[in-house]
């Protein structure tokens, strides 16, 4: 499967696209940042 393995998790290719295409002003961006932070801290 295509995607990125992080310290404590995995981000699929579809999610990578959503994250990279989301404008920083979009409320979803803050959600993605928070979830990435959780993954980072879990590792």
PDB file of N, CA and C in Angstrom:
ATOM      1  N   UNK A   1       0.830  -1.213   0.000  1.00  0.00           N
ATOM      2  CA  UNK A   1       0.000   0.000   0.000  1.00  0.00           C
ATOM      3  C   UNK A   1       0.862   1.260   0.000  1.00  0.00           C
ATOM      4  N   UNK A   2       0.401   2.242  -0.740  1.00  0.00           N
ATOM      5  CA  UNK A   2       1.116   3.510  -0.785  1.00  0.00           C
ATOM      6  C   UNK A   2       0.705   4.367   0.397  1.00  0.00           C
ATOM      7  N   UNK A   3       1.652   5.083   0.920  1.00  0.00           N
ATOM      8  CA  UNK A   3       1.393   5.946   2.056  1.00  0.00           C
ATOM      9  C   UNK A   3       2.690   6.216   2.781  1.00  0.00           C
ATOM     10  N   UNK A   4       2.583   6.712   3.999  1.00  0.00           N
ATOM     11  CA  UNK A   4       3.753   7.052   4.793  1.00  0.00           C
ATOM     12  C   UNK A   4       3.619   6.421   6.170  1.00  0.00           C
ATOM     13  N   UNK A   5       4.647   5.703   6.568  1.00  0.00           N
ATOM     14  CA  UNK A   5       4.680   5.158   7.920  1.00  0.00           C
ATOM     15  C   UNK A   5       5.374   6.181   8.802  1.00  0.00           C
ATOM     16  N   UNK A   6       4.708   6.538   9.889  1.00  0.00           N
ATOM     17  CA  UNK A   6       5.269   7.474  10.854  1.00  0.00           C
ATOM     18  C   UNK A   6       5.715   6.710  12.085  1.00  0.00           C
ATOM     19  N   UNK A   7       6.218   7.425  13.050  1.00  0.00           N
ATOM     20  CA  UNK A   7       6.724   6.817  14.276  1.00  0.00           C
ATOM     21  C   UNK A   7       5.680   5.890  14.900  1.00  0.00           C
ATOM     22  N   UNK A   8       4.453   6.363  15.027  1.00  0.00           N
ATOM     23  CA  UNK A   8       3.432   5.584  15.726  1.00  0.00           C
ATOM     24  C   UNK A   8       2.192   5.332  14.884  1.00  0.00           C
ATOM     25  N   UNK A   9       2.316   5.401  13.578  1.00  0.00           N
ATOM     26  CA  UNK A   9       1.131   5.197  12.773  1.00  0.00           C
ATOM     27  C   UNK A   9       1.433   5.195  11.295  1.00  0.00           C
ATOM     28  N   UNK A  10       0.390   5.302  10.516  1.00  0.00           N
ATOM     29  CA  UNK A  10       0.470   5.217   9.065  1.00  0.00           C
ATOM     30  C   UNK A  10      -0.525   6.201   8.476  1.00  0.00           C
ATOM     31  N   UNK A  11      -0.128   6.888   7.412  1.00  0.00           N
ATOM     32  CA  UNK A  11      -1.033   7.783   6.692  1.00  0.00           C
ATOM     33  C   UNK A  11      -1.163   7.236   5.279  1.00  0.00           C
ATOM     34  N   UNK A  12      -2.373   6.886   4.891  1.00  0.00           N
ATOM     35  CA  UNK A  12      -2.597   6.328   3.560  1.00  0.00           C
ATOM     36  C   UNK A  12      -2.436   7.409   2.493  1.00  0.00           C
ATOM     37  N   UNK A  13      -2.293   6.973   1.259  1.00  0.00           N
ATOM     38  CA  UNK A  13      -2.080   7.890   0.146  1.00  0.00           C
ATOM     39  C   UNK A  13      -3.236   8.881  -0.001  1.00  0.00           C
ATOM     40  N   UNK A  14      -4.467   8.404   0.155  1.00  0.00           N
ATOM     41  CA  UNK A  14      -5.626   9.298   0.034  1.00  0.00           C
ATOM     42  C   UNK A  14      -5.598  10.392   1.101  1.00  0.00           C
ATOM     43  N   UNK A  15      -5.222  10.018   2.320  1.00  0.00           N
ATOM     44  CA  UNK A  15      -5.147  11.002   3.398  1.00  0.00           C
ATOM     45  C   UNK A  15      -4.022  12.000   3.155  1.00  0.00           C
ATOM     46  N   UNK A  16      -2.901  11.522   2.635  1.00  0.00           N
ATOM     47  CA  UNK A  16      -1.802  12.435   2.304  1.00  0.00           C
ATOM     48  C   UNK A  16      -2.249  13.495   1.306  1.00  0.00           C
ATOM     49  N   UNK A  17      -3.031  13.065   0.326  1.00  0.00           N
ATOM     50  CA  UNK A  17      -3.546  14.006  -0.675  1.00  0.00           C
ATOM     51  C   UNK A  17      -4.466  15.021  -0.014  1.00  0.00           C
ATOM     52  N   UNK A  18      -5.373  14.548   0.845  1.00  0.00           N
ATOM     53  CA  UNK A  18      -6.299  15.460   1.525  1.00  0.00           C
ATOM     54  C   UNK A  18      -5.546  16.471   2.381  1.00  0.00           C
ATOM     55  N   UNK A  19      -4.543  15.993   3.117  1.00  0.00           N
ATOM     56  CA  UNK A  19      -3.768  16.882   3.981  1.00  0.00           C
ATOM     57  C   UNK A  19      -3.035  17.926   3.151  1.00  0.00           C
ATOM     58  N   UNK A  20      -2.399  17.492   2.087  1.00  0.00           N
ATOM     59  CA  UNK A  20      -1.584  18.415   1.295  1.00  0.00           C
ATOM     60  C   UNK A  20      -2.417  19.393   0.475  1.00  0.00           C
ATOM     61  N   UNK A  21      -3.675  19.049   0.204  1.00  0.00           N
ATOM     62  CA  UNK A  21      -4.531  19.931  -0.597  1.00  0.00           C
ATOM     63  C   UNK A  21      -5.415  20.846   0.249  1.00  0.00           C
ATOM     64  N   UNK A  22      -5.406  20.666   1.548  1.00  0.00           N
ATOM     65  CA  UNK A  22      -6.267  21.452   2.425  1.00  0.00           C
ATOM     66  C   UNK A  22      -5.627  22.800   2.723  1.00  0.00           C
ATOM     67  N   UNK A  23      -6.375  23.855   2.512  1.00  0.00           N
ATOM     68  CA  UNK A  23      -5.908  25.213   2.799  1.00  0.00           C
ATOM     69  C   UNK A  23      -5.774  25.398   4.309  1.00  0.00           C
ATOM     70  N   UNK A  24      -4.782  26.156   4.721  1.00  0.00           N
ATOM     71  CA  UNK A  24      -4.555  26.360   6.156  1.00  0.00           C
ATOM     72  C   UNK A  24      -5.716  27.074   6.839  1.00  0.00           C
ATOM     73  N   UNK A  25      -6.558  27.747   6.093  1.00  0.00           N
ATOM     74  CA  UNK A  25      -7.730  28.427   6.657  1.00  0.00           C
ATOM     75  C   UNK A  25      -8.919  27.483   6.830  1.00  0.00           C
ATOM     76  N   UNK A  26      -8.861  26.316   6.227  1.00  0.00           N
ATOM     77  CA  UNK A  26      -9.937  25.333   6.310  1.00  0.00           C
ATOM     78  C   UNK A  26      -9.930  24.702   7.708  1.00  0.00           C
ATOM     79  N   UNK A  27     -11.088  24.575   8.353  1.00  0.00           N
ATOM     80  CA  UNK A  27     -11.146  23.954   9.683  1.00  0.00           C
ATOM     81  C   UNK A  27     -10.571  22.532   9.711  1.00  0.00           C
ATOM     82  N   UNK A  28     -10.638  21.829   8.585  1.00  0.00           N
ATOM     83  CA  UNK A  28     -10.081  20.479   8.532  1.00  0.00           C
ATOM     84  C   UNK A  28      -8.567  20.493   8.727  1.00  0.00           C
ATOM     85  N   UNK A  29      -7.920  21.584   8.356  1.00  0.00           N
ATOM     86  CA  UNK A  29      -6.464  21.675   8.486  1.00  0.00           C
ATOM     87  C   UNK A  29      -6.042  21.542   9.951  1.00  0.00           C
ATOM     88  N   UNK A  30      -6.735  22.238  10.827  1.00  0.00           N
ATOM     89  CA  UNK A  30      -6.432  22.154  12.263  1.00  0.00           C
ATOM     90  C   UNK A  30      -6.641  20.730  12.772  1.00  0.00           C
ATOM     91  N   UNK A  31      -7.665  20.058  12.262  1.00  0.00           N
ATOM     92  CA  UNK A  31      -7.911  18.662  12.629  1.00  0.00           C
ATOM     93  C   UNK A  31      -6.732  17.786  12.217  1.00  0.00           C
ATOM     94  N   UNK A  32      -6.274  17.955  10.982  1.00  0.00           N
ATOM     95  CA  UNK A  32      -5.143  17.166  10.488  1.00  0.00           C
ATOM     96  C   UNK A  32      -3.885  17.435  11.309  1.00  0.00           C
ATOM     97  N   UNK A  33      -3.635  18.684  11.623  1.00  0.00           N
ATOM     98  CA  UNK A  33      -2.457  19.038  12.421  1.00  0.00           C
ATOM     99  C   UNK A  33      -2.532  18.373  13.796  1.00  0.00           C
ATOM    100  N   UNK A  34      -3.701  18.411  14.406  1.00  0.00           N
ATOM    101  CA  UNK A  34      -3.868  17.803  15.728  1.00  0.00           C
ATOM    102  C   UNK A  34      -3.632  16.295  15.676  1.00  0.00           C
ATOM    103  N   UNK A  35      -4.147  15.646  14.650  1.00  0.00           N
ATOM    104  CA  UNK A  35      -3.977  14.195  14.527  1.00  0.00           C
ATOM    105  C   UNK A  35      -2.520  13.838  14.249  1.00  0.00           C
ATOM    106  N   UNK A  36      -1.839  14.622  13.427  1.00  0.00           N
ATOM    107  CA  UNK A  36      -0.420  14.382  13.174  1.00  0.00           C
ATOM    108  C   UNK A  36       0.396  14.570  14.452  1.00  0.00           C
ATOM    109  N   UNK A  37       0.018  15.561  15.237  1.00  0.00           N
ATOM    110  CA  UNK A  37       0.702  15.799  16.509  1.00  0.00           C
ATOM    111  C   UNK A  37       0.515  14.605  17.445  1.00  0.00           C
ATOM    112  N   UNK A  38      -0.705  14.051  17.482  1.00  0.00           N
ATOM    113  CA  UNK A  38      -0.971  12.869  18.306  1.00  0.00           C
ATOM    114  C   UNK A  38      -0.090  11.699  17.880  1.00  0.00           C
ATOM    115  N   UNK A  39       0.015  11.482  16.566  1.00  0.00           N
ATOM    116  CA  UNK A  39       0.863  10.400  16.070  1.00  0.00           C
ATOM    117  C   UNK A  39       2.315  10.618  16.471  1.00  0.00           C
ATOM    118  N   UNK A  40       2.772  11.847  16.326  1.00  0.00           N
ATOM    119  CA  UNK A  40       4.155  12.166  16.653  1.00  0.00           C
ATOM    120  C   UNK A  40       4.427  11.940  18.151  1.00  0.00           C
ATOM    121  N   UNK A  41       3.512  12.398  18.994  1.00  0.00           N
ATOM    122  CA  UNK A  41       3.704  12.285  20.438  1.00  0.00           C
ATOM    123  C   UNK A  41       3.571  10.841  20.922  1.00  0.00           C
ATOM    124  N   UNK A  42       2.806  10.033  20.216  1.00  0.00           N
ATOM    125  CA  UNK A  42       2.633   8.634  20.600  1.00  0.00           C
ATOM    126  C   UNK A  42       3.906   7.823  20.354  1.00  0.00           C
ATOM    127  N   UNK A  43       4.761   8.330  19.478  1.00  0.00           N
ATOM    128  CA  UNK A  43       5.990   7.602  19.131  1.00  0.00           C
ATOM    129  C   UNK A  43       7.051   7.868  20.087  1.00  0.00           C
TER     130      UNK A  43
END
